Amino acid sequence: MSKEFFHGSTKLFPIGFLLSPQADGYANQSDVQTIEDYLEARRPDNKTPRSKSVFLVADPDLIDAAGGYTDAIYRVIPRSSPEESDLAWYSEALCALDTDTADMDYVAHCADLYWEGTPFTDESRRCAEYRVKWAEVKGVFELNADPRELERIHRGNDITS
């Protein structure tokens, strides 16, 4: 795959840093646990669980829409095969679940289309995300915050400047 990938964060990573899934990441937050549990229950065996994924985008302008941070945007190299899904299906399922009369067949349909990587029907709402098990920081693409205010992450004894 020759696409360029990006990852947003509130942290300052050194070049070469290996990003891995975080126990406190988005997919493990309590306010989305219902949809995350539902998606996990529908996840095909050959797909990486969202809770064990690093999330990437191919267009840095989609980081915010994909729920990522834009303080520091990195170019990254996937270190596992990227799995593509359209977050609009996730949002559609979440909205359907939030109604008093949730149509569970429709929620299941949305979840299945998310895992299949099917583009959302309304092109203006499409938001492709990629899940990987690991990604390596290749470089800083954009800093939108004062680097002195970002949490610095060290690799071994390396100190980033």
C-alpha atoms as a PDB file:
ATOM      1  CA  MET A   1       0.000   0.000   0.000  1.00  0.00           C
ATOM      2  CA  SER A   2       1.595   3.282  -1.069  1.00  0.00           C
ATOM      3  CA  LYS A   3      -0.665   5.671   0.848  1.00  0.00           C
ATOM      4  CA  GLU A   4       0.775   8.160   3.259  1.00  0.00           C
ATOM      5  CA  PHE A   5      -0.688   7.902   6.761  1.00  0.00           C
ATOM      6  CA  PHE A   6      -1.115  10.382   9.595  1.00  0.00           C
ATOM      7  CA  HIS A   7      -1.778  10.178  13.319  1.00  0.00           C
ATOM      8  CA  GLY A   8      -2.821  13.014  15.631  1.00  0.00           C
ATOM      9  CA  SER A   9      -1.836  13.309  19.269  1.00  0.00           C
ATOM     10  CA  THR A  10      -1.454  15.586  22.270  1.00  0.00           C
ATOM     11  CA  LYS A  11       2.015  14.116  22.768  1.00  0.00           C
ATOM     12  CA  LEU A  12       5.397  14.929  21.282  1.00  0.00           C
ATOM     13  CA  PHE A  13       6.959  11.717  19.953  1.00  0.00           C
ATOM     14  CA  PRO A  14      10.523  11.212  18.769  1.00  0.00           C
ATOM     15  CA  ILE A  15      11.136  10.145  15.172  1.00  0.00           C
ATOM     16  CA  GLY A  16      11.198   6.352  15.038  1.00  0.00           C
ATOM     17  CA  PHE A  17       8.877   5.974  18.030  1.00  0.00           C
ATOM     18  CA  LEU A  18       6.609   2.930  17.736  1.00  0.00           C
ATOM     19  CA  LEU A  19       2.973   3.811  18.435  1.00  0.00           C
ATOM     20  CA  SER A  20       0.956   1.033  20.037  1.00  0.00           C
ATOM     21  CA  PRO A  21      -2.666   0.771  21.261  1.00  0.00           C
ATOM     22  CA  GLN A  22      -3.338   2.574  24.518  1.00  0.00           C
ATOM     23  CA  ALA A  23      -5.363   1.086  27.363  1.00  0.00           C
ATOM     24  CA  ASP A  24      -6.958   4.507  27.890  1.00  0.00           C
ATOM     25  CA  GLY A  25      -7.583   5.140  24.183  1.00  0.00           C
ATOM     26  CA  TYR A  26     -10.854   6.241  22.598  1.00  0.00           C
ATOM     27  CA  ALA A  27     -12.255   2.726  22.152  1.00  0.00           C
ATOM     28  CA  ASN A  28     -11.909   2.131  25.902  1.00  0.00           C
ATOM     29  CA  GLN A  29     -13.691   5.280  27.122  1.00  0.00           C
ATOM     30  CA  SER A  30     -16.876   4.788  29.135  1.00  0.00           C
ATOM     31  CA  ASP A  31     -19.028   7.210  27.116  1.00  0.00           C
ATOM     32  CA  VAL A  32     -18.687   5.071  23.970  1.00  0.00           C
ATOM     33  CA  GLN A  33     -18.621   1.661  25.637  1.00  0.00           C
ATOM     34  CA  THR A  34     -22.074   0.613  24.385  1.00  0.00           C
ATOM     35  CA  ILE A  35     -21.232   1.123  20.702  1.00  0.00           C
ATOM     36  CA  GLU A  36     -17.711  -0.248  21.158  1.00  0.00           C
ATOM     37  CA  ASP A  37     -19.071  -3.410  22.803  1.00  0.00           C
ATOM     38  CA  TYR A  38     -21.641  -3.780  20.037  1.00  0.00           C
ATOM     39  CA  LEU A  39     -19.049  -3.349  17.273  1.00  0.00           C
ATOM     40  CA  GLU A  40     -16.731  -5.785  19.018  1.00  0.00           C
ATOM     41  CA  ALA A  41     -19.516  -8.372  19.171  1.00  0.00           C
ATOM     42  CA  ARG A  42     -19.981  -8.026  15.372  1.00  0.00           C
ATOM     43  CA  ARG A  43     -16.241  -7.923  14.564  1.00  0.00           C
ATOM     44  CA  PRO A  44     -15.098 -10.581  12.097  1.00  0.00           C
ATOM     45  CA  ASP A  45     -12.288 -12.795  13.399  1.00  0.00           C
ATOM     46  CA  ASN A  46      -9.891 -11.489  10.742  1.00  0.00           C
ATOM     47  CA  LYS A  47     -10.188  -7.828  11.879  1.00  0.00           C
ATOM     48  CA  THR A  48      -8.151  -6.115  14.586  1.00  0.00           C
ATOM     49  CA  PRO A  49     -10.227  -5.083  17.608  1.00  0.00           C
ATOM     50  CA  ARG A  50     -10.678  -1.322  17.885  1.00  0.00           C
ATOM     51  CA  SER A  51      -9.440  -1.510  21.479  1.00  0.00           C
ATOM     52  CA  LYS A  52      -6.160  -2.970  20.205  1.00  0.00           C
ATOM     53  CA  SER A  53      -5.663  -0.519  17.346  1.00  0.00           C
ATOM     54  CA  VAL A  54      -3.702   2.584  16.536  1.00  0.00           C
ATOM     55  CA  PHE A  55      -5.931   4.824  14.409  1.00  0.00           C
ATOM     56  CA  LEU A  56      -4.621   6.526  11.277  1.00  0.00           C
ATOM     57  CA  VAL A  57      -5.999   8.581   8.415  1.00  0.00           C
ATOM     58  CA  ALA A  58      -4.734   9.057   4.862  1.00  0.00           C
ATOM     59  CA  ASP A  59      -5.805  12.720   4.838  1.00  0.00           C
ATOM     60  CA  PRO A  60      -4.548  14.871   7.738  1.00  0.00           C
ATOM     61  CA  ASP A  61      -7.618  17.110   7.341  1.00  0.00           C
ATOM     62  CA  LEU A  62      -9.746  14.165   8.571  1.00  0.00           C
ATOM     63  CA  ILE A  63      -7.985  13.750  11.923  1.00  0.00           C
ATOM     64  CA  ASP A  64     -10.441  15.962  13.798  1.00  0.00           C
ATOM     65  CA  ALA A  65     -13.468  14.394  12.080  1.00  0.00           C
ATOM     66  CA  ALA A  66     -12.084  10.957  12.936  1.00  0.00           C
ATOM     67  CA  GLY A  67     -11.957  11.887  16.613  1.00  0.00           C
ATOM     68  CA  GLY A  68      -8.203  12.384  16.754  1.00  0.00           C
ATOM     69  CA  TYR A  69      -6.182  15.177  18.310  1.00  0.00           C
ATOM     70  CA  THR A  70      -4.677  17.881  16.140  1.00  0.00           C
ATOM     71  CA  ASP A  71      -2.126  19.313  18.591  1.00  0.00           C
ATOM     72  CA  ALA A  72       0.634  17.350  16.865  1.00  0.00           C
ATOM     73  CA  ILE A  73       0.080  15.574  13.552  1.00  0.00           C
ATOM     74  CA  TYR A  74       2.608  12.948  12.516  1.00  0.00           C
ATOM     75  CA  ARG A  75       3.464  11.172   9.300  1.00  0.00           C
ATOM     76  CA  VAL A  76       3.586   7.497  10.223  1.00  0.00           C
ATOM     77  CA  ILE A  77       4.490   4.173   8.682  1.00  0.00           C
ATOM     78  CA  PRO A  78       2.088   1.308   9.486  1.00  0.00           C
ATOM     79  CA  ARG A  79       3.915  -1.686  10.957  1.00  0.00           C
ATOM     80  CA  SER A  80       0.972  -4.015  10.346  1.00  0.00           C
ATOM     81  CA  SER A  81      -1.508  -4.201   7.489  1.00  0.00           C
ATOM     82  CA  PRO A  82      -3.915  -1.238   7.605  1.00  0.00           C
ATOM     83  CA  GLU A  83      -7.603  -2.144   7.844  1.00  0.00           C
ATOM     84  CA  GLU A  84      -9.900   0.527   6.401  1.00  0.00           C
ATOM     85  CA  SER A  85     -13.346   1.414   7.741  1.00  0.00           C
ATOM     86  CA  ASP A  86     -15.661   4.369   7.255  1.00  0.00           C
ATOM     87  CA  LEU A  87     -16.398   6.106  10.544  1.00  0.00           C
ATOM     88  CA  ALA A  88     -19.699   7.395   9.158  1.00  0.00           C
ATOM     89  CA  TRP A  89     -21.077   3.847   9.650  1.00  0.00           C
ATOM     90  CA  TYR A  90     -19.847   3.975  13.269  1.00  0.00           C
ATOM     91  CA  SER A  91     -21.611   7.333  13.770  1.00  0.00           C
ATOM     92  CA  GLU A  92     -24.760   6.053  12.099  1.00  0.00           C
ATOM     93  CA  ALA A  93     -24.850   3.013  14.395  1.00  0.00           C
ATOM     94  CA  LEU A  94     -24.159   5.192  17.440  1.00  0.00           C
ATOM     95  CA  CYS A  95     -27.010   7.582  16.580  1.00  0.00           C
ATOM     96  CA  ALA A  96     -29.377   4.655  15.965  1.00  0.00           C
ATOM     97  CA  LEU A  97     -28.455   3.143  19.350  1.00  0.00           C
ATOM     98  CA  ASP A  98     -29.130   6.450  21.095  1.00  0.00           C
ATOM     99  CA  THR A  99     -32.839   6.396  20.242  1.00  0.00           C
ATOM    100  CA  ASP A 100     -35.561   5.003  22.499  1.00  0.00           C
ATOM    101  CA  THR A 101     -36.698   2.660  19.737  1.00  0.00           C
ATOM    102  CA  ALA A 102     -33.349   1.491  18.375  1.00  0.00           C
ATOM    103  CA  ASP A 103     -33.687  -0.565  15.199  1.00  0.00           C
ATOM    104  CA  MET A 104     -31.138  -3.251  16.068  1.00  0.00           C
ATOM    105  CA  ASP A 105     -31.232  -4.731  12.565  1.00  0.00           C
ATOM    106  CA  TYR A 106     -30.134  -1.350  11.218  1.00  0.00           C
ATOM    107  CA  VAL A 107     -27.451  -1.003  13.899  1.00  0.00           C
ATOM    108  CA  ALA A 108     -26.143  -4.467  12.953  1.00  0.00           C
ATOM    109  CA  HIS A 109     -26.179  -3.496   9.274  1.00  0.00           C
ATOM    110  CA  CYS A 110     -24.139  -0.347  10.014  1.00  0.00           C
ATOM    111  CA  ALA A 111     -21.670  -2.290  12.162  1.00  0.00           C
ATOM    112  CA  ASP A 112     -21.186  -4.896   9.447  1.00  0.00           C
ATOM    113  CA  LEU A 113     -20.590  -2.216   6.795  1.00  0.00           C
ATOM    114  CA  TYR A 114     -18.075  -0.545   9.113  1.00  0.00           C
ATOM    115  CA  TRP A 115     -16.071  -3.779   9.442  1.00  0.00           C
ATOM    116  CA  GLU A 116     -16.342  -4.523   5.711  1.00  0.00           C
ATOM    117  CA  GLY A 117     -14.791  -1.131   4.922  1.00  0.00           C
ATOM    118  CA  THR A 118     -17.743  -0.122   2.769  1.00  0.00           C
ATOM    119  CA  PRO A 119     -17.750   3.625   1.984  1.00  0.00           C
ATOM    120  CA  PHE A 120     -20.727   5.460   3.497  1.00  0.00           C
ATOM    121  CA  THR A 121     -23.630   6.135   1.151  1.00  0.00           C
ATOM    122  CA  ASP A 122     -23.501   9.936   1.620  1.00  0.00           C
ATOM    123  CA  GLU A 123     -20.134  10.936   0.187  1.00  0.00           C
ATOM    124  CA  SER A 124     -20.108  14.223   2.129  1.00  0.00           C
ATOM    125  CA  ARG A 125     -20.089  12.275   5.427  1.00  0.00           C
ATOM    126  CA  ARG A 126     -17.377   9.766   4.556  1.00  0.00           C
ATOM    127  CA  CYS A 127     -14.462   9.557   6.945  1.00  0.00           C
ATOM    128  CA  ALA A 128     -11.998   6.758   6.238  1.00  0.00           C
ATOM    129  CA  GLU A 129      -9.969   5.551   9.202  1.00  0.00           C
ATOM    130  CA  TYR A 130      -7.314   2.858   9.236  1.00  0.00           C
ATOM    131  CA  ARG A 131      -6.617   0.512  12.127  1.00  0.00           C
ATOM    132  CA  VAL A 132      -3.147  -0.936  12.649  1.00  0.00           C
ATOM    133  CA  LYS A 133      -1.500  -2.810  15.491  1.00  0.00           C
ATOM    134  CA  TRP A 134       1.572  -0.548  15.421  1.00  0.00           C
ATOM    135  CA  ALA A 135       2.800   2.480  13.517  1.00  0.00           C
ATOM    136  CA  GLU A 136       6.206   4.127  13.454  1.00  0.00           C
ATOM    137  CA  VAL A 137       6.566   7.900  13.664  1.00  0.00           C
ATOM    138  CA  LYS A 138       8.249   9.028  10.454  1.00  0.00           C
ATOM    139  CA  GLY A 139       8.134  12.767  11.111  1.00  0.00           C
ATOM    140  CA  VAL A 140       6.121  15.736  12.278  1.00  0.00           C
ATOM    141  CA  PHE A 141       3.625  16.902   9.667  1.00  0.00           C
ATOM    142  CA  GLU A 142       2.143  19.809  11.608  1.00  0.00           C
ATOM    143  CA  LEU A 143       2.279  21.313  15.095  1.00  0.00           C
ATOM    144  CA  ASN A 144      -0.845  23.194  16.167  1.00  0.00           C
ATOM    145  CA  ALA A 145       0.145  23.664  19.804  1.00  0.00           C
ATOM    146  CA  ASP A 146       3.146  25.025  21.620  1.00  0.00           C
ATOM    147  CA  PRO A 147       5.589  22.073  21.775  1.00  0.00           C
ATOM    148  CA  ARG A 148       6.495  23.102  25.349  1.00  0.00           C
ATOM    149  CA  GLU A 149       2.915  22.332  26.379  1.00  0.00           C
ATOM    150  CA  LEU A 150       2.832  18.841  24.844  1.00  0.00           C
ATOM    151  CA  GLU A 151       3.734  15.781  26.860  1.00  0.00           C
ATOM    152  CA  ARG A 152       7.142  14.613  25.664  1.00  0.00           C
ATOM    153  CA  ILE A 153       7.446  10.893  25.093  1.00  0.00           C
ATOM    154  CA  HIS A 154      10.908   9.395  25.256  1.00  0.00           C
ATOM    155  CA  ARG A 155      12.267   6.347  23.478  1.00  0.00           C
ATOM    156  CA  GLY A 156      14.556   4.565  25.878  1.00  0.00           C
ATOM    157  CA  ASN A 157      16.903   7.262  27.171  1.00  0.00           C
ATOM    158  CA  ASP A 158      16.447   9.475  24.120  1.00  0.00           C
ATOM    159  CA  ILE A 159      15.206  12.957  24.788  1.00  0.00           C
ATOM    160  CA  THR A 160      13.336  14.790  22.067  1.00  0.00           C
ATOM    161  CA  SER A 161      14.108  18.406  21.409  1.00  0.00           C
END
